[in-house]
Amino acid sequence: MEFLKEFFTFLKVRKKFWLLPIIIILLLFGGLIVLTQGTAVAPFIYTIF
């Protein structure tokens, strides 16, 4: 949790709020790949990339 606290402090101090949507999208795609890795949906997910 310390990493998240430092990351948000970094965003606030450096005024890099435009990074937040990019990080969220990357986390969502990463979670989607991990969760669907062993299912029948996996071939359709990998065609996106």
Protein backbone atom coordinates (compact mmCIF):
# COMPACT_ATOMS: atom_id res chain seq x y z
CA MET A 1 0.00 0.00 0.00
CA GLU A 2 2.97 2.28 0.52
CA PHE A 3 3.66 2.19 -3.22
CA LEU A 4 0.16 3.42 -4.04
CA LYS A 5 0.44 6.21 -1.50
CA GLU A 6 3.78 7.33 -2.94
CA PHE A 7 2.44 7.07 -6.50
CA PHE A 8 -0.54 9.31 -5.79
CA THR A 9 1.72 11.76 -3.98
CA PHE A 10 3.98 11.81 -7.03
CA LEU A 11 1.00 12.51 -9.30
CA LYS A 12 -0.19 15.31 -7.05
CA VAL A 13 3.21 16.98 -6.62
CA ARG A 14 4.33 16.69 -10.25
CA LYS A 15 0.83 17.45 -11.62
CA LYS A 16 0.89 14.36 -13.81
CA PHE A 17 -2.81 13.55 -13.51
CA TRP A 18 -2.91 12.59 -17.21
CA LEU A 19 -1.00 9.40 -16.28
CA LEU A 20 -3.84 8.09 -14.14
CA PRO A 21 -6.18 7.00 -17.00
CA ILE A 22 -3.27 5.28 -18.78
CA ILE A 23 -2.35 3.32 -15.65
CA ILE A 24 -5.99 2.33 -15.06
CA ILE A 25 -6.43 1.06 -18.63
CA LEU A 26 -3.19 -0.95 -18.42
CA LEU A 27 -4.31 -2.52 -15.15
CA LEU A 28 -7.72 -3.40 -16.60
CA PHE A 29 -6.19 -5.05 -19.67
CA GLY A 30 -3.69 -6.92 -17.50
CA GLY A 31 -6.43 -8.16 -15.21
CA LEU A 32 -8.55 -9.20 -18.17
CA ILE A 33 -5.71 -11.27 -19.61
CA VAL A 34 -4.95 -12.93 -16.27
CA LEU A 35 -8.59 -13.75 -15.53
CA THR A 36 -9.38 -15.16 -18.98
CA GLN A 37 -6.12 -17.02 -19.53
CA GLY A 38 -7.54 -20.50 -19.05
CA THR A 39 -11.02 -20.00 -20.46
CA ALA A 40 -12.62 -20.31 -23.89
CA VAL A 41 -12.58 -16.50 -24.16
CA ALA A 42 -8.76 -16.40 -24.25
CA PRO A 43 -8.37 -16.72 -28.06
CA PHE A 44 -10.67 -13.75 -28.60
CA ILE A 45 -8.80 -11.62 -26.06
CA TYR A 46 -5.42 -12.34 -27.65
CA THR A 47 -6.66 -11.30 -31.10
CA ILE A 48 -7.13 -7.77 -29.72
CA PHE A 49 -3.39 -7.51 -29.17
